[in-house]
């Protein structure tokens, strides 16, 4: 049985074509590709690539300036932060949340809109494996080209589960029986009808948006569409800690807001969403709002699907 795509590049001695990440004494990273006969140059000296070819991962090399560098293969979070960019990348902290909260599983059939530089595509492909399906849509051909190069550089070859289409998802989506849809785009609400038709009952739509206005509009659009359950929205922040002897404290800098994530699940055909049993805060909607949770009407009571919790 052959190994999954890219697995051979993640273990064993360093080989020609492998990505190598060097770490200097100050913790700075330098990433390059091993080539026979080439040398790696830094302001602290140089060393030949041949010194690492055939060496085990975790080796230490010294430059002509006698500076030691630790050599390891870059982890996927390291790789996506150092790869060439067309658009901003999805940060590893958000990609990890997508994999977990959108319940990405081996063999899953996934549609992705908004490829950017290929960061999330690489995470998704590694999670679904060769037997899954990832169909990615990207409006800009230049972004798609950069993403394809980044993904193939990581796996060492084209991934058999990946199809990349240049164009709008709502205009070109023909996939059916899709398990998950990931939307990383400016106006994901424009794709809801196409997404709803493609998803299997119980399937998940997961959106990544940058602003609160995008988040609010997407949540309300999902509620109004009527084929999804109540959406859940959140963001994550990462704070590293400095630990040295008794000096244990949070780092002065952290990875704060990068974007909001939102998930909702596809209901069975013909099913109406369960009633939301909570009353919106007073003033949360404009005076002209008459939808679920509004207080308009002759009875003066909440109309639609919003009642007091009990």
Protein backbone atom coordinates (compact mmCIF):
# COMPACT_ATOMS: atom_id res chain seq x y z
CA UNK A 1 0.00 0.00 0.00
CA UNK A 2 1.45 3.35 -1.02
CA UNK A 3 1.98 6.10 1.50
CA UNK A 4 -0.42 9.05 1.61
CA UNK A 5 0.63 12.00 -0.52
CA UNK A 6 3.44 13.94 1.15
CA UNK A 7 3.99 11.46 4.00
CA UNK A 8 7.44 10.40 2.79
CA UNK A 9 8.55 14.05 2.97
CA UNK A 10 7.75 14.18 6.68
CA UNK A 11 10.08 11.47 7.99
CA UNK A 12 13.55 9.93 7.56
CA UNK A 13 16.89 11.59 6.75
CA UNK A 14 16.95 14.85 4.83
CA UNK A 15 16.73 14.38 1.05
CA UNK A 16 17.24 16.59 -1.97
CA UNK A 17 14.07 18.64 -2.45
CA UNK A 18 13.12 18.65 1.23
CA UNK A 19 12.13 21.88 2.94
CA UNK A 20 14.48 22.64 5.85
CA UNK A 21 13.89 25.10 8.67
CA UNK A 22 16.98 26.41 10.44
CA UNK A 23 16.71 27.96 13.90
CA UNK A 24 19.50 30.28 15.04
CA UNK A 25 20.58 30.89 18.67
CA UNK A 26 18.06 33.77 18.94
CA UNK A 27 15.15 31.59 17.79
CA UNK A 28 14.87 33.09 14.32
CA UNK A 29 13.80 30.79 11.48
CA UNK A 30 15.20 30.43 7.97
CA UNK A 31 13.50 28.10 5.45
CA UNK A 32 15.03 26.80 2.22
CA UNK A 33 14.94 23.79 -0.11
CA UNK A 34 17.83 21.31 -0.13
CA UNK A 35 19.76 21.18 -3.40
CA UNK A 36 22.92 19.18 -4.02
CA UNK A 37 26.02 21.34 -4.46
CA UNK A 38 24.32 24.52 -3.17
CA UNK A 39 25.22 26.49 -0.03
CA UNK A 40 23.12 28.34 2.52
CA UNK A 41 24.42 31.85 3.18
CA UNK A 42 23.79 34.12 6.14
CA UNK A 43 25.52 37.14 7.63
CA UNK A 44 26.92 34.66 10.18
CA UNK A 45 28.64 32.57 7.51
CA UNK A 46 27.64 29.73 5.21
CA UNK A 47 27.50 25.94 5.04
CA UNK A 48 26.95 23.46 2.15
CA UNK A 49 23.55 21.81 1.64
CA UNK A 50 25.42 18.52 1.20
CA UNK A 51 26.19 18.62 4.91
CA UNK A 52 22.49 18.08 5.65
CA UNK A 53 21.58 15.72 2.79
CA UNK A 54 21.41 12.25 4.36
CA UNK A 55 21.61 13.63 7.91
CA UNK A 56 18.82 12.88 10.42
CA UNK A 57 16.23 15.52 11.21
CA UNK A 58 17.19 17.42 14.35
CA UNK A 59 20.84 17.77 13.32
CA UNK A 60 22.94 20.81 14.16
CA UNK A 61 25.10 22.47 11.52
CA UNK A 62 27.72 25.19 11.94
CA UNK A 63 28.45 27.97 9.53
CA UNK A 64 31.90 29.19 8.56
CA UNK A 65 31.36 31.80 11.27
CA UNK A 66 31.00 29.00 13.86
CA UNK A 67 27.32 29.75 14.53
CA UNK A 68 25.16 26.69 15.29
CA UNK A 69 21.79 26.19 13.56
CA UNK A 70 19.23 23.52 14.43
CA UNK A 71 17.86 21.84 11.28
CA UNK A 72 14.29 20.48 11.23
CA UNK A 73 11.56 20.08 8.66
CA UNK A 74 9.12 22.97 9.04
CA UNK A 75 5.80 22.10 10.63
CA UNK A 76 2.75 23.00 8.58
CA UNK A 77 2.06 26.09 10.76
CA UNK A 78 5.63 27.23 10.09
CA UNK A 79 5.33 26.52 6.38
CA UNK A 80 2.15 28.52 5.78
CA UNK A 81 3.56 31.56 7.58
CA UNK A 82 6.73 31.55 5.48
CA UNK A 83 5.35 30.62 2.06
CA UNK A 84 4.94 33.17 -0.77
CA UNK A 85 1.70 35.13 -0.51
CA UNK A 86 -0.78 36.48 -2.98
CA UNK A 87 -3.49 37.18 -0.41
CA UNK A 88 -3.28 37.09 3.37
CA UNK A 89 -3.03 33.56 4.76
CA UNK A 90 -5.43 31.92 7.20
CA UNK A 91 -3.44 31.80 10.42
CA UNK A 92 -2.70 28.37 11.93
CA UNK A 93 -4.81 29.18 14.99
CA UNK A 94 -7.85 29.72 12.75
CA UNK A 95 -7.06 26.77 10.47
CA UNK A 96 -6.92 24.54 13.55
CA UNK A 97 -10.32 25.82 14.65
CA UNK A 98 -11.75 25.11 11.20
CA UNK A 99 -10.45 21.53 11.27
CA UNK A 100 -11.89 20.94 14.74
CA UNK A 101 -15.15 22.91 14.77
CA UNK A 102 -16.12 22.08 11.17
CA UNK A 103 -15.35 18.44 12.01
CA UNK A 104 -13.05 17.78 9.04
CA UNK A 105 -12.53 14.02 8.72
CA UNK A 106 -10.56 11.64 6.46
CA UNK A 107 -12.40 11.11 3.18
CA UNK A 108 -14.61 14.19 3.59
CA UNK A 109 -16.01 15.91 0.50
CA UNK A 110 -15.31 19.63 0.89
CA UNK A 111 -15.95 22.75 -1.17
CA UNK A 112 -13.83 25.82 -0.41
CA UNK A 113 -14.38 29.35 -1.73
CA UNK A 114 -11.55 31.87 -1.42
CA UNK A 115 -8.22 30.05 -1.73
CA UNK A 116 -5.97 33.05 -1.11
CA UNK A 117 -2.41 31.76 -0.84
CA UNK A 118 -3.36 28.12 -0.20
CA UNK A 119 -2.87 28.02 3.56
CA UNK A 120 -6.25 26.57 4.54
CA UNK A 121 -6.30 24.35 1.43
CA UNK A 122 -3.10 22.67 2.63
CA UNK A 123 -4.52 22.07 6.11
CA UNK A 124 -7.74 20.66 4.63
CA UNK A 125 -5.96 18.36 2.17
CA UNK A 126 -3.76 16.90 4.88
CA UNK A 127 -6.85 16.23 7.01
CA UNK A 128 -9.06 14.61 4.36
CA UNK A 129 -6.29 12.52 2.80
CA UNK A 130 -6.03 11.07 -0.69
CA UNK A 131 -9.52 9.52 -0.55
CA UNK A 132 -11.29 12.79 0.20
CA UNK A 133 -12.28 15.60 -2.15
CA UNK A 134 -11.45 19.29 -1.93
CA UNK A 135 -12.84 21.52 -4.68
CA UNK A 136 -11.50 25.04 -4.24
CA UNK A 137 -12.81 28.13 -5.99
CA UNK A 138 -10.80 31.34 -6.36
CA UNK A 139 -11.92 34.43 -8.27
CA UNK A 140 -8.42 35.72 -9.02
CA UNK A 141 -6.21 33.72 -11.35
CA UNK A 142 -3.01 35.18 -9.88
CA UNK A 143 -3.99 34.09 -6.37
CA UNK A 144 -4.93 30.64 -7.67
CA UNK A 145 -1.52 30.23 -9.31
CA UNK A 146 0.35 31.16 -6.12
CA UNK A 147 -1.88 28.85 -4.05
CA UNK A 148 -1.30 25.93 -6.42
CA UNK A 149 2.46 26.40 -6.23
CA UNK A 150 2.39 26.59 -2.42
CA UNK A 151 0.24 23.47 -2.02
CA UNK A 152 2.30 21.42 -4.47
CA UNK A 153 5.56 22.59 -2.89
CA UNK A 154 4.37 21.35 0.51
CA UNK A 155 3.20 17.92 -0.69
CA UNK A 156 5.98 17.56 -3.28
CA UNK A 157 3.49 16.89 -6.09
CA UNK A 158 -0.10 17.65 -7.12
CA UNK A 159 -2.54 16.34 -4.51
CA UNK A 160 -4.95 13.72 -5.93
CA UNK A 161 -7.88 14.98 -3.83
CA UNK A 162 -7.63 18.62 -4.96
CA UNK A 163 -9.38 20.45 -7.78
CA UNK A 164 -8.83 24.20 -8.20
CA UNK A 165 -11.29 26.27 -10.25
CA UNK A 166 -10.84 29.94 -11.13
CA UNK A 167 -14.24 31.62 -10.85
CA UNK A 168 -17.11 32.42 -8.49
CA UNK A 169 -18.51 29.57 -6.44
CA UNK A 170 -22.15 30.62 -6.95
CA UNK A 171 -21.63 30.60 -10.73
CA UNK A 172 -19.64 27.38 -11.09
CA UNK A 173 -20.58 25.11 -8.16
CA UNK A 174 -21.77 21.77 -9.53
CA UNK A 175 -20.66 19.46 -6.71
CA UNK A 176 -23.38 17.59 -4.85
CA UNK A 177 -23.46 15.47 -1.69
CA UNK A 178 -20.86 17.76 -0.11
CA UNK A 179 -20.01 17.21 3.58
CA UNK A 180 -18.50 20.61 4.36
CA UNK A 181 -18.33 24.05 2.74
CA UNK A 182 -15.67 26.57 3.82
CA UNK A 183 -16.22 30.20 2.81
CA UNK A 184 -13.35 32.69 3.11
CA UNK A 185 -14.59 35.64 1.10
CA UNK A 186 -15.92 39.19 1.33
CA UNK A 187 -19.62 38.39 0.87
CA UNK A 188 -20.26 34.75 1.83
CA UNK A 189 -24.03 35.40 2.13
CA UNK A 190 -24.15 35.60 -1.67
CA UNK A 191 -23.32 31.88 -1.82
CA UNK A 192 -25.90 30.57 0.66
CA UNK A 193 -28.37 29.29 -1.92
CA UNK A 194 -25.69 27.37 -3.82
CA UNK A 195 -24.17 26.08 -0.58
CA UNK A 196 -27.54 24.91 0.72
CA UNK A 197 -28.17 22.89 -2.45
CA UNK A 198 -24.73 21.27 -2.36
CA UNK A 199 -24.59 20.25 1.32
CA UNK A 200 -25.89 16.93 2.60
CA UNK A 201 -28.33 17.04 5.55
CA UNK A 202 -26.22 17.53 8.66
CA UNK A 203 -23.39 19.04 6.60
CA UNK A 204 -21.56 22.09 7.90
CA UNK A 205 -20.98 25.51 6.39
CA UNK A 206 -18.02 27.31 8.01
CA UNK A 207 -17.31 30.98 7.29
CA UNK A 208 -14.20 33.03 7.96
CA UNK A 209 -14.80 36.79 7.93
CA UNK A 210 -12.72 39.73 9.07
CA UNK A 211 -15.20 42.32 10.36
CA UNK A 212 -18.17 42.53 12.71
CA UNK A 213 -20.40 43.86 9.93
CA UNK A 214 -19.64 40.83 7.77
CA UNK A 215 -20.27 38.56 10.74
CA UNK A 216 -23.63 40.16 11.57
CA UNK A 217 -24.86 40.03 8.00
CA UNK A 218 -23.84 36.40 7.56
CA UNK A 219 -25.55 35.31 10.78
CA UNK A 220 -28.80 37.07 9.83
CA UNK A 221 -28.63 35.70 6.28
CA UNK A 222 -28.28 32.14 7.58
CA UNK A 223 -31.25 32.65 9.91
CA UNK A 224 -33.38 34.07 7.14
CA UNK A 225 -32.47 31.36 4.64
CA UNK A 226 -34.28 28.75 6.69
CA UNK A 227 -32.29 25.64 5.76
CA UNK A 228 -29.71 25.81 8.57
CA UNK A 229 -29.78 25.54 12.34
CA UNK A 230 -28.85 28.47 14.60
CA UNK A 231 -25.31 29.61 13.64
CA UNK A 232 -22.48 29.79 16.15
CA UNK A 233 -19.82 32.53 15.95
CA UNK A 234 -16.52 33.05 17.78
CA UNK A 235 -12.92 34.20 17.53
CA UNK A 236 -9.71 32.89 19.10
CA UNK A 237 -6.63 34.60 20.44
CA UNK A 238 -3.27 33.04 21.26
CA UNK A 239 -0.91 34.27 23.97
CA UNK A 240 2.46 32.60 24.43
CA UNK A 241 4.17 32.41 27.80
CA UNK A 242 7.75 33.14 28.78
CA UNK A 243 9.04 30.39 31.08
CA UNK A 244 12.58 30.59 32.44
CA UNK A 245 13.28 29.51 36.01
CA UNK A 246 11.01 31.49 38.30
CA UNK A 247 10.31 34.07 35.59
CA UNK A 248 6.96 32.78 34.35
CA UNK A 249 4.81 35.41 32.69
CA UNK A 250 2.82 36.02 29.51
CA UNK A 251 4.73 37.32 26.51
CA UNK A 252 4.41 41.01 25.78
CA UNK A 253 2.91 40.30 22.36
CA UNK A 254 0.13 37.94 21.31
CA UNK A 255 -1.77 36.86 18.21
CA UNK A 256 -5.00 38.76 18.72
CA UNK A 257 -7.86 39.28 16.29
CA UNK A 258 -7.35 37.78 12.86
CA UNK A 259 -10.93 36.95 11.92
CA UNK A 260 -14.27 35.57 13.04
CA UNK A 261 -15.41 32.00 12.46
CA UNK A 262 -19.02 30.93 12.08
CA UNK A 263 -20.57 27.50 11.63
CA UNK A 264 -24.08 26.24 10.91
CA UNK A 265 -25.49 22.83 9.96
CA UNK A 266 -27.74 21.96 7.04
CA UNK A 267 -31.22 20.82 8.01
CA UNK A 268 -33.11 18.05 6.24
CA UNK A 269 -35.17 19.18 3.25
CA UNK A 270 -38.60 20.53 4.20
CA UNK A 271 -37.70 21.03 7.86
CA UNK A 272 -38.16 24.41 9.51
CA UNK A 273 -35.48 25.62 11.95
CA UNK A 274 -36.45 25.16 15.62
CA UNK A 275 -37.71 28.32 17.32
CA UNK A 276 -35.09 30.52 18.91
CA UNK A 277 -36.10 30.70 22.55
CA UNK A 278 -34.47 33.94 23.50
CA UNK A 279 -35.48 37.57 23.11
CA UNK A 280 -33.02 39.91 21.36
CA UNK A 281 -31.67 42.74 23.47
CA UNK A 282 -33.69 45.94 23.25
CA UNK A 283 -32.26 48.10 20.51
CA UNK A 284 -30.33 45.26 18.86
CA UNK A 285 -32.40 45.80 15.70
CA UNK A 286 -33.53 49.01 14.04
CA UNK A 287 -36.97 50.60 14.56
CA UNK A 288 -38.14 49.30 11.17
CA UNK A 289 -37.32 45.67 11.98
CA UNK A 290 -40.38 43.37 11.89
CA UNK A 291 -38.74 39.96 11.71
CA UNK A 292 -38.26 37.31 14.40
CA UNK A 293 -37.96 38.86 17.83
CA UNK A 294 -39.60 42.17 16.92
CA UNK A 295 -42.10 43.76 19.33
CA UNK A 296 -44.28 45.25 16.60
CA UNK A 297 -47.89 44.18 16.24
CA UNK A 298 -51.22 44.89 17.89
CA UNK A 299 -50.68 42.45 20.77
CA UNK A 300 -47.48 44.10 21.89
CA UNK A 301 -45.95 40.66 22.35
CA UNK A 302 -42.97 39.17 20.58
CA UNK A 303 -43.87 37.90 17.13
CA UNK A 304 -42.22 35.26 15.03
CA UNK A 305 -39.99 32.67 16.63
CA UNK A 306 -38.65 34.48 19.68
CA UNK A 307 -40.06 33.89 23.14
CA UNK A 308 -38.72 34.33 26.62
CA UNK A 309 -36.48 31.56 27.86
CA UNK A 310 -38.08 29.24 30.28
